[in-house]
C-alpha atoms as a PDB file:
ATOM      1  CA  MET A   1      45.231 -52.917 -22.736  1.00  0.00           C
ATOM      2  CA  SER A   2      46.066 -54.467 -19.366  1.00  0.00           C
ATOM      3  CA  LYS A   3      49.225 -54.142 -17.377  1.00  0.00           C
ATOM      4  CA  THR A   4      51.578 -57.087 -17.046  1.00  0.00           C
ATOM      5  CA  PRO A   5      51.478 -58.540 -13.515  1.00  0.00           C
ATOM      6  CA  TRP A   6      54.605 -57.994 -11.417  1.00  0.00           C
ATOM      7  CA  ARG A   7      55.426 -61.704 -11.200  1.00  0.00           C
ATOM      8  CA  ASP A   8      55.382 -62.041 -15.023  1.00  0.00           C
ATOM      9  CA  LEU A   9      57.901 -59.248 -15.713  1.00  0.00           C
ATOM     10  CA  ALA A  10      61.442 -60.152 -16.727  1.00  0.00           C
ATOM     11  CA  HIS A  11      63.549 -59.204 -13.707  1.00  0.00           C
ATOM     12  CA  THR A  12      66.915 -58.058 -15.003  1.00  0.00           C
ATOM     13  CA  ASP A  13      68.616 -56.594 -11.958  1.00  0.00           C
ATOM     14  CA  ALA A  14      68.883 -57.376  -8.266  1.00  0.00           C
ATOM     15  CA  ILE A  15      69.687 -55.141  -5.303  1.00  0.00           C
ATOM     16  CA  ASN A  16      69.940 -55.851  -1.567  1.00  0.00           C
ATOM     17  CA  CYS A  17      67.479 -54.580   1.028  1.00  0.00           C
ATOM     18  CA  VAL A  18      69.223 -51.873   3.080  1.00  0.00           C
ATOM     19  CA  ILE A  19      67.707 -53.235   6.326  1.00  0.00           C
ATOM     20  CA  CYS A  20      67.844 -57.043   6.188  1.00  0.00           C
ATOM     21  CA  GLY A  21      70.120 -57.599   3.160  1.00  0.00           C
ATOM     22  CA  SER A  22      67.727 -59.858   1.262  1.00  0.00           C
ATOM     23  CA  ILE A  23      67.795 -59.768  -2.543  1.00  0.00           C
ATOM     24  CA  ILE A  24      65.203 -57.631  -4.359  1.00  0.00           C
ATOM     25  CA  LEU A  25      64.593 -58.388  -8.036  1.00  0.00           C
ATOM     26  CA  LEU A  26      63.864 -55.392 -10.251  1.00  0.00           C
ATOM     27  CA  PRO A  27      62.120 -55.324 -13.645  1.00  0.00           C
ATOM     28  CA  PRO A  28      63.722 -53.344 -16.505  1.00  0.00           C
ATOM     29  CA  SER A  29      61.477 -50.317 -15.893  1.00  0.00           C
ATOM     30  CA  HIS A  30      62.804 -49.915 -12.344  1.00  0.00           C
ATOM     31  CA  VAL A  31      66.507 -50.466 -12.957  1.00  0.00           C
ATOM     32  CA  LYS A  32      67.311 -46.839 -13.824  1.00  0.00           C
ATOM     33  CA  ARG A  33      65.169 -45.280 -11.107  1.00  0.00           C
ATOM     34  CA  ARG A  34      66.301 -47.484  -8.203  1.00  0.00           C
ATOM     35  CA  TYR A  35      63.632 -45.981  -5.971  1.00  0.00           C
ATOM     36  CA  ARG A  36      63.190 -49.227  -4.067  1.00  0.00           C
ATOM     37  CA  HIS A  37      65.435 -49.636  -1.016  1.00  0.00           C
ATOM     38  CA  THR A  38      63.696 -52.294   1.081  1.00  0.00           C
ATOM     39  CA  CYS A  39      62.034 -55.647   0.551  1.00  0.00           C
ATOM     40  CA  GLY A  40      58.803 -54.283   2.101  1.00  0.00           C
ATOM     41  CA  GLY A  41      56.754 -54.886   5.258  1.00  0.00           C
ATOM     42  CA  ASP A  42      58.734 -54.516   8.477  1.00  0.00           C
ATOM     43  CA  CYS A  43      61.882 -53.422   6.635  1.00  0.00           C
ATOM     44  CA  LEU A  44      59.973 -50.567   4.987  1.00  0.00           C
ATOM     45  CA  ARG A  45      58.607 -49.354   8.351  1.00  0.00           C
ATOM     46  CA  THR A  46      62.095 -49.495   9.857  1.00  0.00           C
ATOM     47  CA  TYR A  47      63.571 -47.624   6.878  1.00  0.00           C
ATOM     48  CA  ARG A  48      60.940 -44.854   7.068  1.00  0.00           C
ATOM     49  CA  GLU A  49      61.303 -44.321  10.816  1.00  0.00           C
ATOM     50  CA  ARG A  50      63.634 -41.355  11.176  1.00  0.00           C
ATOM     51  CA  PHE A  51      64.573 -41.802  14.820  1.00  0.00           C
ATOM     52  CA  SER A  52      64.191 -44.396  17.537  1.00  0.00           C
ATOM     53  CA  ILE A  53      63.321 -43.478  21.121  1.00  0.00           C
ATOM     54  CA  SER A  54      61.509 -45.374  23.877  1.00  0.00           C
ATOM     55  CA  PRO A  55      58.256 -43.925  25.275  1.00  0.00           C
ATOM     56  CA  ASP A  56      59.827 -43.532  28.741  1.00  0.00           C
ATOM     57  CA  HIS A  57      62.829 -41.686  27.358  1.00  0.00           C
ATOM     58  CA  LEU A  58      60.543 -39.541  25.180  1.00  0.00           C
ATOM     59  CA  PHE A  59      58.438 -38.652  28.233  1.00  0.00           C
ATOM     60  CA  PHE A  60      61.548 -37.626  30.154  1.00  0.00           C
ATOM     61  CA  GLU A  61      62.852 -35.554  27.223  1.00  0.00           C
ATOM     62  CA  VAL A  62      59.640 -33.604  26.522  1.00  0.00           C
ATOM     63  CA  TRP A  63      59.252 -32.727  30.207  1.00  0.00           C
ATOM     64  CA  SER A  64      62.926 -31.761  30.570  1.00  0.00           C
ATOM     65  CA  ARG A  65      63.294 -29.292  27.713  1.00  0.00           C
ATOM     66  CA  PRO A  66      61.368 -27.752  24.794  1.00  0.00           C
ATOM     67  CA  THR A  67      60.438 -29.869  21.781  1.00  0.00           C
ATOM     68  CA  MET A  68      62.466 -27.651  19.440  1.00  0.00           C
ATOM     69  CA  LYS A  69      65.673 -28.508  21.335  1.00  0.00           C
ATOM     70  CA  ILE A  70      64.925 -32.251  21.226  1.00  0.00           C
ATOM     71  CA  ALA A  71      64.084 -32.084  17.514  1.00  0.00           C
ATOM     72  CA  ALA A  72      67.314 -30.262  16.688  1.00  0.00           C
ATOM     73  CA  GLU A  73      69.332 -32.882  18.548  1.00  0.00           C
ATOM     74  CA  LEU A  74      67.593 -35.777  16.757  1.00  0.00           C
ATOM     75  CA  GLY A  75      67.709 -34.087  13.352  1.00  0.00           C
ATOM     76  CA  VAL A  76      63.933 -34.027  12.836  1.00  0.00           C
ATOM     77  CA  SER A  77      61.193 -31.412  13.026  1.00  0.00           C
ATOM     78  CA  ASP A  78      59.301 -30.513  16.185  1.00  0.00           C
ATOM     79  CA  LYS A  79      56.163 -31.794  14.458  1.00  0.00           C
ATOM     80  CA  ALA A  80      57.805 -35.237  14.176  1.00  0.00           C
ATOM     81  CA  ILE A  81      58.313 -35.187  17.957  1.00  0.00           C
ATOM     82  CA  ASP A  82      54.665 -34.139  18.425  1.00  0.00           C
ATOM     83  CA  LYS A  83      53.462 -36.990  16.214  1.00  0.00           C
ATOM     84  CA  ARG A  84      55.639 -39.531  18.015  1.00  0.00           C
ATOM     85  CA  CYS A  85      54.301 -38.335  21.393  1.00  0.00           C
ATOM     86  CA  LYS A  86      50.756 -38.717  20.113  1.00  0.00           C
ATOM     87  CA  ARG A  87      51.450 -42.190  18.706  1.00  0.00           C
ATOM     88  CA  GLU A  88      53.153 -43.394  21.914  1.00  0.00           C
ATOM     89  CA  GLY A  89      50.569 -41.764  24.204  1.00  0.00           C
ATOM     90  CA  VAL A  90      53.128 -39.463  25.841  1.00  0.00           C
ATOM     91  CA  THR A  91      51.694 -36.365  27.530  1.00  0.00           C
ATOM     92  CA  LYS A  92      53.459 -33.156  26.496  1.00  0.00           C
ATOM     93  CA  PRO A  93      53.676 -29.903  28.425  1.00  0.00           C
ATOM     94  CA  PRO A  94      50.934 -27.459  27.387  1.00  0.00           C
ATOM     95  CA  ARG A  95      51.605 -24.401  25.279  1.00  0.00           C
ATOM     96  CA  GLY A  96      53.299 -21.718  27.369  1.00  0.00           C
ATOM     97  CA  TYR A  97      54.727 -24.156  29.931  1.00  0.00           C
ATOM     98  CA  TRP A  98      58.384 -23.413  29.172  1.00  0.00           C
ATOM     99  CA  ALA A  99      57.771 -19.663  29.257  1.00  0.00           C
ATOM    100  CA  LYS A 100      56.339 -20.056  32.768  1.00  0.00           C
ATOM    101  CA  ILE A 101      59.271 -22.225  33.888  1.00  0.00           C
ATOM    102  CA  ASN A 102      61.745 -19.665  32.492  1.00  0.00           C
ATOM    103  CA  ALA A 103      59.884 -16.916  34.329  1.00  0.00           C
ATOM    104  CA  GLY A 104      60.644 -18.726  37.572  1.00  0.00           C
ATOM    105  CA  ILE A 105      57.229 -20.238  38.256  1.00  0.00           C
ATOM    106  CA  ALA A 106      57.328 -23.701  39.859  1.00  0.00           C
ATOM    107  CA  HIS A 107      56.304 -26.752  37.842  1.00  0.00           C
ATOM    108  CA  ARG A 108      53.008 -27.388  39.703  1.00  0.00           C
ATOM    109  CA  ASP A 109      52.036 -23.711  39.617  1.00  0.00           C
ATOM    110  CA  ALA A 110      52.872 -23.420  35.923  1.00  0.00           C
ATOM    111  CA  LEU A 111      50.538 -26.305  35.100  1.00  0.00           C
ATOM    112  CA  ALA A 112      47.803 -24.884  37.339  1.00  0.00           C
ATOM    113  CA  HIS A 113      48.093 -21.474  35.601  1.00  0.00           C
ATOM    114  CA  LEU A 114      47.727 -23.242  32.249  1.00  0.00           C
ATOM    115  CA  GLY A 115      44.440 -24.883  33.236  1.00  0.00           C
ATOM    116  CA  TRP A 116      45.491 -28.313  34.482  1.00  0.00           C
ATOM    117  CA  THR A 117      43.433 -29.765  37.328  1.00  0.00           C
ATOM    118  CA  ASP A 118      44.994 -31.058  40.558  1.00  0.00           C
ATOM    119  CA  ALA A 119      44.147 -34.641  39.531  1.00  0.00           C
ATOM    120  CA  GLU A 120      45.997 -34.242  36.208  1.00  0.00           C
ATOM    121  CA  ILE A 121      49.026 -32.748  37.944  1.00  0.00           C
ATOM    122  CA  ARG A 122      49.060 -35.573  40.522  1.00  0.00           C
ATOM    123  CA  ALA A 123      48.783 -38.219  37.781  1.00  0.00           C
ATOM    124  CA  LEU A 124      51.699 -36.632  35.947  1.00  0.00           C
ATOM    125  CA  GLY A 125      53.693 -36.333  39.178  1.00  0.00           C
ATOM    126  CA  GLU A 126      53.908 -40.123  39.546  1.00  0.00           C
ATOM    127  CA  ARG A 127      57.134 -39.904  37.557  1.00  0.00           C
ATOM    128  CA  LYS A 128      59.964 -38.111  39.298  1.00  0.00           C
ATOM    129  CA  PHE A 129      61.692 -35.394  37.337  1.00  0.00           C
ATOM    130  CA  ALA A 130      62.624 -31.805  37.860  1.00  0.00           C
ATOM    131  CA  PRO A 131      62.305 -29.462  34.891  1.00  0.00           C
ATOM    132  CA  LYS A 132      65.170 -27.029  34.717  1.00  0.00           C
ATOM    133  CA  ARG A 133      65.117 -23.404  33.870  1.00  0.00           C
ATOM    134  CA  ILE A 134      66.568 -22.898  30.397  1.00  0.00           C
ATOM    135  CA  ASN A 135      67.327 -20.067  28.044  1.00  0.00           C
ATOM    136  CA  ILE A 136      65.138 -20.118  24.960  1.00  0.00           C
END
C-alpha cells in the first residue's frame, strides 16, 4: 500500500501563513491538527527564529553583561544566546570573566588571568566598550 502524494489529496481547508499571509491549503487529515503555520522556506525560518539581533549589537551585549541577563531580557535561554553567538561568529567572554570583573579586576587583566594572549586581547580591543561592574 502506497501513500497518496500530497498534490493528489483533496484539500478541504485553507489557512494563511502567519509571516507572509499567503494561502496554505490543508488536506482533511491536517484540518483538525492545524500544526502548520507557515508556507515553508524563508517564512518557516523566520517563524522559528525566537529573537532578532544584529551581530554588532550581540557583541556589545555579551561583553557588557552576563549572558543570563541578556537571555532573561529577550525571553530565551542562555544556551540560545550561546548558539546565536557561535552562528554569528561573536566572541564571548570566557568562563569566570564576570566574576573577575565583579571582583574589581580590570578588563585586560581579567582576560590575561583567564589565559588569553596579548594578541587576542588586542584583537578584541579594536571595538571600544567598557564593561561595567554588576551585581550577579
